[in-house]
Amino acid sequence: MKQIEATILGQSYVLACPPGKDAQLREAVAIVDREMSAIRDAGKVKARERMAVLAALNLAYQKAEPKPAARADGGAGSQPGSVDLDALIQRIDEALAADGQLL
């Protein structure tokens, strides 16, 4: 299996890549990097592991969520991929509140 080198938040990873799937894997890496960068840039989360959990949950939530019609008021539902980071961080904080090991 072919391997490619990818960078997420400035850290390099060597990833196994199925034949002919280079572009798809690189797009997935770009999406994860974008999500983690947005969380980091919001300034509320410092730990890389916590950013990864938030990004993974956000991406899974986006995938599971039915696609709403665009809102007329220009709210968050009107832009694909828009994220309420404060609400997401609050949900993660509540879910992980009892687990001091992840902080």
PDB file of N, CA and C in Angstrom:
ATOM      1  N   MET A   1       0.853  -1.179   0.000  1.00  0.00           N
ATOM      2  CA  MET A   1       0.000   0.000   0.000  1.00  0.00           C
ATOM      3  C   MET A   1       0.900   1.244   0.000  1.00  0.00           C
ATOM      4  N   LYS A   2       0.527   2.193  -0.787  1.00  0.00           N
ATOM      5  CA  LYS A   2       1.266   3.444  -0.904  1.00  0.00           C
ATOM      6  C   LYS A   2       1.143   4.252   0.381  1.00  0.00           C
ATOM      7  N   GLN A   3       2.160   5.047   0.686  1.00  0.00           N
ATOM      8  CA  GLN A   3       2.116   5.941   1.836  1.00  0.00           C
ATOM      9  C   GLN A   3       2.288   7.378   1.355  1.00  0.00           C
ATOM     10  N   ILE A   4       1.570   8.285   2.016  1.00  0.00           N
ATOM     11  CA  ILE A   4       1.740   9.701   1.721  1.00  0.00           C
ATOM     12  C   ILE A   4       2.058  10.424   3.020  1.00  0.00           C
ATOM     13  N   GLU A   5       2.734  11.544   2.888  1.00  0.00           N
ATOM     14  CA  GLU A   5       3.021  12.372   4.055  1.00  0.00           C
ATOM     15  C   GLU A   5       2.005  13.509   4.075  1.00  0.00           C
ATOM     16  N   ALA A   6       1.433  13.731   5.252  1.00  0.00           N
ATOM     17  CA  ALA A   6       0.419  14.772   5.417  1.00  0.00           C
ATOM     18  C   ALA A   6       0.769  15.600   6.643  1.00  0.00           C
ATOM     19  N   THR A   7       0.325  16.854   6.641  1.00  0.00           N
ATOM     20  CA  THR A   7       0.581  17.745   7.767  1.00  0.00           C
ATOM     21  C   THR A   7      -0.741  18.260   8.314  1.00  0.00           C
ATOM     22  N   ILE A   8      -0.904  18.104   9.636  1.00  0.00           N
ATOM     23  CA  ILE A   8      -2.082  18.610  10.336  1.00  0.00           C
ATOM     24  C   ILE A   8      -1.582  19.427  11.519  1.00  0.00           C
ATOM     25  N   LEU A   9      -1.983  20.682  11.568  1.00  0.00           N
ATOM     26  CA  LEU A   9      -1.533  21.621  12.606  1.00  0.00           C
ATOM     27  C   LEU A   9      -0.012  21.649  12.725  1.00  0.00           C
ATOM     28  N   GLY A  10       0.657  21.590  11.575  1.00  0.00           N
ATOM     29  CA  GLY A  10       2.104  21.695  11.553  1.00  0.00           C
ATOM     30  C   GLY A  10       2.843  20.423  11.917  1.00  0.00           C
ATOM     31  N   GLN A  11       2.137  19.346  12.210  1.00  0.00           N
ATOM     32  CA  GLN A  11       2.779  18.081  12.550  1.00  0.00           C
ATOM     33  C   GLN A  11       2.616  17.117  11.383  1.00  0.00           C
ATOM     34  N   SER A  12       3.718  16.458  11.003  1.00  0.00           N
ATOM     35  CA  SER A  12       3.699  15.541   9.860  1.00  0.00           C
ATOM     36  C   SER A  12       3.268  14.141  10.287  1.00  0.00           C
ATOM     37  N   TYR A  13       2.530  13.508   9.397  1.00  0.00           N
ATOM     38  CA  TYR A  13       2.075  12.133   9.591  1.00  0.00           C
ATOM     39  C   TYR A  13       2.323  11.371   8.303  1.00  0.00           C
ATOM     40  N   VAL A  14       2.692  10.104   8.410  1.00  0.00           N
ATOM     41  CA  VAL A  14       2.795   9.218   7.256  1.00  0.00           C
ATOM     42  C   VAL A  14       1.560   8.336   7.296  1.00  0.00           C
ATOM     43  N   LEU A  15       0.766   8.394   6.222  1.00  0.00           N
ATOM     44  CA  LEU A  15      -0.509   7.698   6.171  1.00  0.00           C
ATOM     45  C   LEU A  15      -0.519   6.664   5.054  1.00  0.00           C
ATOM     46  N   ALA A  16      -1.089   5.497   5.325  1.00  0.00           N
ATOM     47  CA  ALA A  16      -1.283   4.495   4.290  1.00  0.00           C
ATOM     48  C   ALA A  16      -2.409   4.978   3.387  1.00  0.00           C
ATOM     49  N   CYS A  17      -2.227   4.786   2.093  1.00  0.00           N
ATOM     50  CA  CYS A  17      -3.204   5.287   1.125  1.00  0.00           C
ATOM     51  C   CYS A  17      -3.530   4.195   0.111  1.00  0.00           C
ATOM     52  N   PRO A  18      -4.817   3.844   0.001  1.00  0.00           N
ATOM     53  CA  PRO A  18      -5.207   2.859  -1.017  1.00  0.00           C
ATOM     54  C   PRO A  18      -4.855   3.359  -2.419  1.00  0.00           C
ATOM     55  N   PRO A  19      -4.576   2.456  -3.332  1.00  0.00           N
ATOM     56  CA  PRO A  19      -4.245   2.856  -4.706  1.00  0.00           C
ATOM     57  C   PRO A  19      -5.336   3.736  -5.323  1.00  0.00           C
ATOM     58  N   GLY A  20      -4.910   4.834  -5.932  1.00  0.00           N
ATOM     59  CA  GLY A  20      -5.833   5.721  -6.628  1.00  0.00           C
ATOM     60  C   GLY A  20      -6.651   6.635  -5.729  1.00  0.00           C
ATOM     61  N   LYS A  21      -6.367   6.652  -4.446  1.00  0.00           N
ATOM     62  CA  LYS A  21      -7.152   7.457  -3.502  1.00  0.00           C
ATOM     63  C   LYS A  21      -6.347   8.629  -2.918  1.00  0.00           C
ATOM     64  N   ASP A  22      -5.237   8.992  -3.546  1.00  0.00           N
ATOM     65  CA  ASP A  22      -4.392  10.076  -3.046  1.00  0.00           C
ATOM     66  C   ASP A  22      -5.173  11.374  -2.857  1.00  0.00           C
ATOM     67  N   ALA A  23      -5.896  11.779  -3.881  1.00  0.00           N
ATOM     68  CA  ALA A  23      -6.624  13.056  -3.836  1.00  0.00           C
ATOM     69  C   ALA A  23      -7.685  13.040  -2.742  1.00  0.00           C
ATOM     70  N   GLN A  24      -8.387  11.932  -2.607  1.00  0.00           N
ATOM     71  CA  GLN A  24      -9.433  11.818  -1.588  1.00  0.00           C
ATOM     72  C   GLN A  24      -8.836  11.887  -0.185  1.00  0.00           C
ATOM     73  N   LEU A  25      -7.718  11.207   0.038  1.00  0.00           N
ATOM     74  CA  LEU A  25      -7.073  11.244   1.357  1.00  0.00           C
ATOM     75  C   LEU A  25      -6.520  12.629   1.648  1.00  0.00           C
ATOM     76  N   ARG A  26      -5.922  13.275   0.655  1.00  0.00           N
ATOM     77  CA  ARG A  26      -5.397  14.634   0.865  1.00  0.00           C
ATOM     78  C   ARG A  26      -6.531  15.620   1.179  1.00  0.00           C
ATOM     79  N   GLU A  27      -7.687  15.443   0.563  1.00  0.00           N
ATOM     80  CA  GLU A  27      -8.845  16.289   0.865  1.00  0.00           C
ATOM     81  C   GLU A  27      -9.312  16.048   2.304  1.00  0.00           C
ATOM     82  N   ALA A  28      -9.321  14.790   2.734  1.00  0.00           N
ATOM     83  CA  ALA A  28      -9.699  14.468   4.117  1.00  0.00           C
ATOM     84  C   ALA A  28      -8.722  15.113   5.098  1.00  0.00           C
ATOM     85  N   VAL A  29      -7.441  15.064   4.788  1.00  0.00           N
ATOM     86  CA  VAL A  29      -6.424  15.699   5.633  1.00  0.00           C
ATOM     87  C   VAL A  29      -6.668  17.204   5.698  1.00  0.00           C
ATOM     88  N   ALA A  30      -6.969  17.811   4.558  1.00  0.00           N
ATOM     89  CA  ALA A  30      -7.224  19.260   4.516  1.00  0.00           C
ATOM     90  C   ALA A  30      -8.440  19.623   5.372  1.00  0.00           C
ATOM     91  N   ILE A  31      -9.481  18.797   5.335  1.00  0.00           N
ATOM     92  CA  ILE A  31     -10.680  19.062   6.134  1.00  0.00           C
ATOM     93  C   ILE A  31     -10.350  18.981   7.618  1.00  0.00           C
ATOM     94  N   VAL A  32      -9.633  17.936   8.032  1.00  0.00           N
ATOM     95  CA  VAL A  32      -9.266  17.780   9.442  1.00  0.00           C
ATOM     96  C   VAL A  32      -8.373  18.940   9.884  1.00  0.00           C
ATOM     97  N   ASP A  33      -7.410  19.310   9.053  1.00  0.00           N
ATOM     98  CA  ASP A  33      -6.528  20.427   9.390  1.00  0.00           C
ATOM     99  C   ASP A  33      -7.316  21.724   9.531  1.00  0.00           C
ATOM    100  N   ARG A  34      -8.259  21.948   8.635  1.00  0.00           N
ATOM    101  CA  ARG A  34      -9.099  23.149   8.691  1.00  0.00           C
ATOM    102  C   ARG A  34      -9.931  23.180   9.976  1.00  0.00           C
ATOM    103  N   GLU A  35     -10.542  22.060  10.327  1.00  0.00           N
ATOM    104  CA  GLU A  35     -11.360  21.979  11.544  1.00  0.00           C
ATOM    105  C   GLU A  35     -10.511  22.214  12.789  1.00  0.00           C
ATOM    106  N   MET A  36      -9.362  21.552  12.856  1.00  0.00           N
ATOM    107  CA  MET A  36      -8.504  21.706  14.035  1.00  0.00           C
ATOM    108  C   MET A  36      -7.939  23.122  14.118  1.00  0.00           C
ATOM    109  N   SER A  37      -7.603  23.703  12.982  1.00  0.00           N
ATOM    110  CA  SER A  37      -7.094  25.076  12.968  1.00  0.00           C
ATOM    111  C   SER A  37      -8.155  26.065  13.446  1.00  0.00           C
ATOM    112  N   ALA A  38      -9.402  25.852  13.036  1.00  0.00           N
ATOM    113  CA  ALA A  38     -10.491  26.732  13.474  1.00  0.00           C
ATOM    114  C   ALA A  38     -10.669  26.656  14.991  1.00  0.00           C
ATOM    115  N   ILE A  39     -10.582  25.457  15.542  1.00  0.00           N
ATOM    116  CA  ILE A  39     -10.711  25.291  16.995  1.00  0.00           C
ATOM    117  C   ILE A  39      -9.538  25.956  17.697  1.00  0.00           C
ATOM    118  N   ARG A  40      -8.328  25.736  17.187  1.00  0.00           N
ATOM    119  CA  ARG A  40      -7.138  26.364  17.779  1.00  0.00           C
ATOM    120  C   ARG A  40      -7.236  27.888  17.697  1.00  0.00           C
ATOM    121  N   ASP A  41      -7.664  28.395  16.548  1.00  0.00           N
ATOM    122  CA  ASP A  41      -7.733  29.839  16.347  1.00  0.00           C
ATOM    123  C   ASP A  41      -8.810  30.502  17.188  1.00  0.00           C
ATOM    124  N   ALA A  42      -9.807  29.727  17.620  1.00  0.00           N
ATOM    125  CA  ALA A  42     -10.835  30.269  18.515  1.00  0.00           C
ATOM    126  C   ALA A  42     -10.225  30.585  19.881  1.00  0.00           C
ATOM    127  N   GLY A  43      -9.074  29.976  20.188  1.00  0.00           N
ATOM    128  CA  GLY A  43      -8.305  30.332  21.378  1.00  0.00           C
ATOM    129  C   GLY A  43      -8.765  29.732  22.683  1.00  0.00           C
ATOM    130  N   LYS A  44      -9.775  28.876  22.666  1.00  0.00           N
ATOM    131  CA  LYS A  44     -10.282  28.339  23.924  1.00  0.00           C
ATOM    132  C   LYS A  44      -9.697  26.970  24.260  1.00  0.00           C
ATOM    133  N   VAL A  45      -9.073  26.325  23.293  1.00  0.00           N
ATOM    134  CA  VAL A  45      -8.534  24.988  23.506  1.00  0.00           C
ATOM    135  C   VAL A  45      -7.055  25.011  23.147  1.00  0.00           C
ATOM    136  N   LYS A  46      -6.223  24.492  24.032  1.00  0.00           N
ATOM    137  CA  LYS A  46      -4.782  24.483  23.788  1.00  0.00           C
ATOM    138  C   LYS A  46      -4.236  23.086  23.501  1.00  0.00           C
ATOM    139  N   ALA A  47      -4.803  22.061  24.126  1.00  0.00           N
ATOM    140  CA  ALA A  47      -4.285  20.701  23.980  1.00  0.00           C
ATOM    141  C   ALA A  47      -4.640  20.121  22.615  1.00  0.00           C
ATOM    142  N   ARG A  48      -3.645  19.592  21.926  1.00  0.00           N
ATOM    143  CA  ARG A  48      -3.825  19.019  20.595  1.00  0.00           C
ATOM    144  C   ARG A  48      -4.829  17.860  20.625  1.00  0.00           C
ATOM    145  N   GLU A  49      -4.774  17.031  21.653  1.00  0.00           N
ATOM    146  CA  GLU A  49      -5.694  15.898  21.747  1.00  0.00           C
ATOM    147  C   GLU A  49      -7.138  16.383  21.869  1.00  0.00           C
ATOM    148  N   ARG A  50      -7.336  17.424  22.636  1.00  0.00           N
ATOM    149  CA  ARG A  50      -8.684  17.971  22.821  1.00  0.00           C
ATOM    150  C   ARG A  50      -9.187  18.584  21.505  1.00  0.00           C
ATOM    151  N   MET A  51      -8.300  19.267  20.778  1.00  0.00           N
ATOM    152  CA  MET A  51      -8.665  19.803  19.467  1.00  0.00           C
ATOM    153  C   MET A  51      -9.061  18.675  18.525  1.00  0.00           C
ATOM    154  N   ALA A  52      -8.329  17.567  18.575  1.00  0.00           N
ATOM    155  CA  ALA A  52      -8.630  16.432  17.700  1.00  0.00           C
ATOM    156  C   ALA A  52      -9.996  15.843  18.030  1.00  0.00           C
ATOM    157  N   VAL A  53     -10.302  15.722  19.323  1.00  0.00           N
ATOM    158  CA  VAL A  53     -11.604  15.187  19.725  1.00  0.00           C
ATOM    159  C   VAL A  53     -12.715  16.123  19.260  1.00  0.00           C
ATOM    160  N   LEU A  54     -12.542  17.414  19.472  1.00  0.00           N
ATOM    161  CA  LEU A  54     -13.549  18.384  19.046  1.00  0.00           C
ATOM    162  C   LEU A  54     -13.745  18.338  17.532  1.00  0.00           C
ATOM    163  N   ALA A  55     -12.646  18.291  16.795  1.00  0.00           N
ATOM    164  CA  ALA A  55     -12.739  18.248  15.335  1.00  0.00           C
ATOM    165  C   ALA A  55     -13.435  16.968  14.879  1.00  0.00           C
ATOM    166  N   ALA A  56     -13.079  15.834  15.487  1.00  0.00           N
ATOM    167  CA  ALA A  56     -13.703  14.564  15.108  1.00  0.00           C
ATOM    168  C   ALA A  56     -15.198  14.590  15.399  1.00  0.00           C
ATOM    169  N   LEU A  57     -15.567  15.086  16.563  1.00  0.00           N
ATOM    170  CA  LEU A  57     -16.986  15.169  16.908  1.00  0.00           C
ATOM    171  C   LEU A  57     -17.729  16.119  15.972  1.00  0.00           C
ATOM    172  N   ASN A  58     -17.116  17.243  15.660  1.00  0.00           N
ATOM    173  CA  ASN A  58     -17.748  18.197  14.756  1.00  0.00           C
ATOM    174  C   ASN A  58     -17.963  17.591  13.374  1.00  0.00           C
ATOM    175  N   LEU A  59     -16.959  16.912  12.847  1.00  0.00           N
ATOM    176  CA  LEU A  59     -17.089  16.299  11.524  1.00  0.00           C
ATOM    177  C   LEU A  59     -18.133  15.178  11.532  1.00  0.00           C
ATOM    178  N   ALA A  60     -18.149  14.375  12.598  1.00  0.00           N
ATOM    179  CA  ALA A  60     -19.148  13.309  12.695  1.00  0.00           C
ATOM    180  C   ALA A  60     -20.550  13.896  12.806  1.00  0.00           C
ATOM    181  N   TYR A  61     -20.679  14.974  13.568  1.00  0.00           N
ATOM    182  CA  TYR A  61     -21.965  15.639  13.717  1.00  0.00           C
ATOM    183  C   TYR A  61     -22.444  16.192  12.375  1.00  0.00           C
ATOM    184  N   GLN A  62     -21.542  16.821  11.637  1.00  0.00           N
ATOM    185  CA  GLN A  62     -21.903  17.358  10.325  1.00  0.00           C
ATOM    186  C   GLN A  62     -22.343  16.250   9.379  1.00  0.00           C
ATOM    187  N   LYS A  63     -21.673  15.117   9.441  1.00  0.00           N
ATOM    188  CA  LYS A  63     -22.013  13.997   8.561  1.00  0.00           C
ATOM    189  C   LYS A  63     -23.366  13.403   8.934  1.00  0.00           C
ATOM    190  N   ALA A  64     -23.672  13.326  10.228  1.00  0.00           N
ATOM    191  CA  ALA A  64     -24.913  12.714  10.694  1.00  0.00           C
ATOM    192  C   ALA A  64     -26.115  13.643  10.598  1.00  0.00           C
ATOM    193  N   GLU A  65     -25.855  14.945  10.590  1.00  0.00           N
ATOM    194  CA  GLU A  65     -26.932  15.937  10.603  1.00  0.00           C
ATOM    195  C   GLU A  65     -27.600  16.039   9.237  1.00  0.00           C
ATOM    196  N   PRO A  66     -28.939  16.013   9.209  1.00  0.00           N
ATOM    197  CA  PRO A  66     -29.627  16.250   7.932  1.00  0.00           C
ATOM    198  C   PRO A  66     -29.292  17.649   7.422  1.00  0.00           C
ATOM    199  N   LYS A  67     -29.167  17.799   6.152  1.00  0.00           N
ATOM    200  CA  LYS A  67     -28.813  19.089   5.565  1.00  0.00           C
ATOM    201  C   LYS A  67     -30.021  20.027   5.591  1.00  0.00           C
ATOM    202  N   PRO A  68     -29.949  21.110   6.409  1.00  0.00           N
ATOM    203  CA  PRO A  68     -31.074  22.052   6.461  1.00  0.00           C
ATOM    204  C   PRO A  68     -31.079  22.962   5.237  1.00  0.00           C
ATOM    205  N   ALA A  69     -32.252  23.493   4.936  1.00  0.00           N
ATOM    206  CA  ALA A  69     -32.359  24.479   3.859  1.00  0.00           C
ATOM    207  C   ALA A  69     -31.693  25.760   4.333  1.00  0.00           C
ATOM    208  N   ALA A  70     -31.211  26.568   3.414  1.00  0.00           N
ATOM    209  CA  ALA A  70     -30.566  27.835   3.769  1.00  0.00           C
ATOM    210  C   ALA A  70     -31.555  28.720   4.520  1.00  0.00           C
ATOM    211  N   ARG A  71     -31.084  29.349   5.590  1.00  0.00           N
ATOM    212  CA  ARG A  71     -31.940  30.230   6.374  1.00  0.00           C
ATOM    213  C   ARG A  71     -31.997  31.608   5.737  1.00  0.00           C
ATOM    214  N   ALA A  72     -33.166  32.193   5.735  1.00  0.00           N
ATOM    215  CA  ALA A  72     -33.365  33.511   5.129  1.00  0.00           C
ATOM    216  C   ALA A  72     -32.684  34.606   5.932  1.00  0.00           C
ATOM    217  N   ASP A  73     -32.484  34.375   7.249  1.00  0.00           N
ATOM    218  CA  ASP A  73     -31.891  35.418   8.087  1.00  0.00           C
ATOM    219  C   ASP A  73     -30.366  35.432   8.032  1.00  0.00           C
ATOM    220  N   GLY A  74     -29.765  34.543   7.217  1.00  0.00           N
ATOM    221  CA  GLY A  74     -28.311  34.528   7.091  1.00  0.00           C
ATOM    222  C   GLY A  74     -27.628  33.893   8.276  1.00  0.00           C
ATOM    223  N   GLY A  75     -28.355  33.125   9.080  1.00  0.00           N
ATOM    224  CA  GLY A  75     -27.798  32.493  10.268  1.00  0.00           C
ATOM    225  C   GLY A  75     -26.828  31.390   9.914  1.00  0.00           C
ATOM    226  N   ALA A  76     -26.353  30.678  10.940  1.00  0.00           N
ATOM    227  CA  ALA A  76     -25.317  29.666  10.765  1.00  0.00           C
ATOM    228  C   ALA A  76     -25.738  28.572   9.784  1.00  0.00           C
ATOM    229  N   GLY A  77     -27.033  28.302   9.662  1.00  0.00           N
ATOM    230  CA  GLY A  77     -27.480  27.258   8.756  1.00  0.00           C
ATOM    231  C   GLY A  77     -27.322  27.626   7.297  1.00  0.00           C
ATOM    232  N   SER A  78     -26.990  28.865   6.978  1.00  0.00           N
ATOM    233  CA  SER A  78     -26.938  29.287   5.581  1.00  0.00           C
ATOM    234  C   SER A  78     -25.603  28.993   4.912  1.00  0.00           C
ATOM    235  N   GLN A  79     -24.576  28.663   5.686  1.00  0.00           N
ATOM    236  CA  GLN A  79     -23.278  28.390   5.096  1.00  0.00           C
ATOM    237  C   GLN A  79     -22.888  26.948   5.389  1.00  0.00           C
ATOM    238  N   PRO A  80     -22.612  26.154   4.361  1.00  0.00           N
ATOM    239  CA  PRO A  80     -22.204  24.773   4.596  1.00  0.00           C
ATOM    240  C   PRO A  80     -20.931  24.736   5.432  1.00  0.00           C
ATOM    241  N   GLY A  81     -20.904  23.857   6.413  1.00  0.00           N
ATOM    242  CA  GLY A  81     -19.710  23.701   7.230  1.00  0.00           C
ATOM    243  C   GLY A  81     -19.545  24.737   8.312  1.00  0.00           C
ATOM    244  N   SER A  82     -20.490  25.681   8.456  1.00  0.00           N
ATOM    245  CA  SER A  82     -20.345  26.678   9.506  1.00  0.00           C
ATOM    246  C   SER A  82     -20.522  26.002  10.858  1.00  0.00           C
ATOM    247  N   VAL A  83     -19.779  26.486  11.848  1.00  0.00           N
ATOM    248  CA  VAL A  83     -19.726  25.822  13.139  1.00  0.00           C
ATOM    249  C   VAL A  83     -19.901  26.846  14.246  1.00  0.00           C
ATOM    250  N   ASP A  84     -20.715  26.508  15.237  1.00  0.00           N
ATOM    251  CA  ASP A  84     -20.804  27.312  16.452  1.00  0.00           C
ATOM    252  C   ASP A  84     -19.785  26.719  17.418  1.00  0.00           C
ATOM    253  N   LEU A  85     -18.534  27.203  17.331  1.00  0.00           N
ATOM    254  CA  LEU A  85     -17.452  26.633  18.129  1.00  0.00           C
ATOM    255  C   LEU A  85     -17.697  26.760  19.618  1.00  0.00           C
ATOM    256  N   ASP A  86     -18.250  27.865  20.070  1.00  0.00           N
ATOM    257  CA  ASP A  86     -18.499  28.032  21.501  1.00  0.00           C
ATOM    258  C   ASP A  86     -19.458  26.963  22.016  1.00  0.00           C
ATOM    259  N   ALA A  87     -20.520  26.695  21.274  1.00  0.00           N
ATOM    260  CA  ALA A  87     -21.482  25.675  21.690  1.00  0.00           C
ATOM    261  C   ALA A  87     -20.843  24.289  21.649  1.00  0.00           C
ATOM    262  N   LEU A  88     -20.025  24.029  20.631  1.00  0.00           N
ATOM    263  CA  LEU A  88     -19.358  22.742  20.518  1.00  0.00           C
ATOM    264  C   LEU A  88     -18.373  22.540  21.659  1.00  0.00           C
ATOM    265  N   ILE A  89     -17.598  23.549  21.968  1.00  0.00           N
ATOM    266  CA  ILE A  89     -16.641  23.458  23.069  1.00  0.00           C
ATOM    267  C   ILE A  89     -17.364  23.250  24.390  1.00  0.00           C
ATOM    268  N   GLN A  90     -18.474  23.944  24.577  1.00  0.00           N
ATOM    269  CA  GLN A  90     -19.247  23.778  25.811  1.00  0.00           C
ATOM    270  C   GLN A  90     -19.763  22.346  25.922  1.00  0.00           C
ATOM    271  N   ARG A  91     -20.268  21.774  24.818  1.00  0.00           N
ATOM    272  CA  ARG A  91     -20.758  20.392  24.849  1.00  0.00           C
ATOM    273  C   ARG A  91     -19.637  19.424  25.190  1.00  0.00           C
ATOM    274  N   ILE A  92     -18.452  19.643  24.626  1.00  0.00           N
ATOM    275  CA  ILE A  92     -17.318  18.762  24.915  1.00  0.00           C
ATOM    276  C   ILE A  92     -16.886  18.922  26.367  1.00  0.00           C
ATOM    277  N   ASP A  93     -16.817  20.157  26.849  1.00  0.00           N
ATOM    278  CA  ASP A  93     -16.453  20.388  28.246  1.00  0.00           C
ATOM    279  C   ASP A  93     -17.401  19.662  29.188  1.00  0.00           C
ATOM    280  N   GLU A  94     -18.698  19.715  28.901  1.00  0.00           N
ATOM    281  CA  GLU A  94     -19.680  19.036  29.739  1.00  0.00           C
ATOM    282  C   GLU A  94     -19.497  17.526  29.673  1.00  0.00           C
ATOM    283  N   ALA A  95     -19.247  17.012  28.471  1.00  0.00           N
ATOM    284  CA  ALA A  95     -19.097  15.564  28.306  1.00  0.00           C
ATOM    285  C   ALA A  95     -17.832  15.045  28.977  1.00  0.00           C
ATOM    286  N   LEU A  96     -16.795  15.860  28.981  1.00  0.00           N
ATOM    287  CA  LEU A  96     -15.512  15.418  29.528  1.00  0.00           C
ATOM    288  C   LEU A  96     -15.243  15.937  30.933  1.00  0.00           C
ATOM    289  N   ALA A  97     -16.209  16.609  31.533  1.00  0.00           N
ATOM    290  CA  ALA A  97     -15.994  17.252  32.836  1.00  0.00           C
ATOM    291  C   ALA A  97     -15.509  16.274  33.896  1.00  0.00           C
ATOM    292  N   ALA A  98     -15.988  15.048  33.870  1.00  0.00           N
ATOM    293  CA  ALA A  98     -15.616  14.080  34.905  1.00  0.00           C
ATOM    294  C   ALA A  98     -14.284  13.392  34.614  1.00  0.00           C
ATOM    295  N   ASP A  99     -13.728  13.610  33.444  1.00  0.00           N
ATOM    296  CA  ASP A  99     -12.492  12.914  33.061  1.00  0.00           C
ATOM    297  C   ASP A  99     -11.333  13.887  33.005  1.00  0.00           C
ATOM    298  N   GLY A 100     -10.680  14.104  34.138  1.00  0.00           N
ATOM    299  CA  GLY A 100      -9.547  15.033  34.213  1.00  0.00           C
ATOM    300  C   GLY A 100      -8.326  14.556  33.450  1.00  0.00           C
ATOM    301  N   GLN A 101      -8.280  13.289  33.041  1.00  0.00           N
ATOM    302  CA  GLN A 101      -7.146  12.752  32.333  1.00  0.00           C
ATOM    303  C   GLN A 101      -6.983  13.347  30.933  1.00  0.00           C
ATOM    304  N   LEU A 102      -8.070  13.812  30.338  1.00  0.00           N
ATOM    305  CA  LEU A 102      -8.013  14.323  28.966  1.00  0.00           C
ATOM    306  C   LEU A 102      -7.665  15.797  28.899  1.00  0.00           C
ATOM    307  N   LEU A 103      -7.589  16.473  30.017  1.00  0.00           N
ATOM    308  CA  LEU A 103      -7.338  17.907  29.993  1.00  0.00           C
ATOM    309  C   LEU A 103      -5.899  18.232  29.846  1.00  0.00           C
TER     310      LEU A 103
END
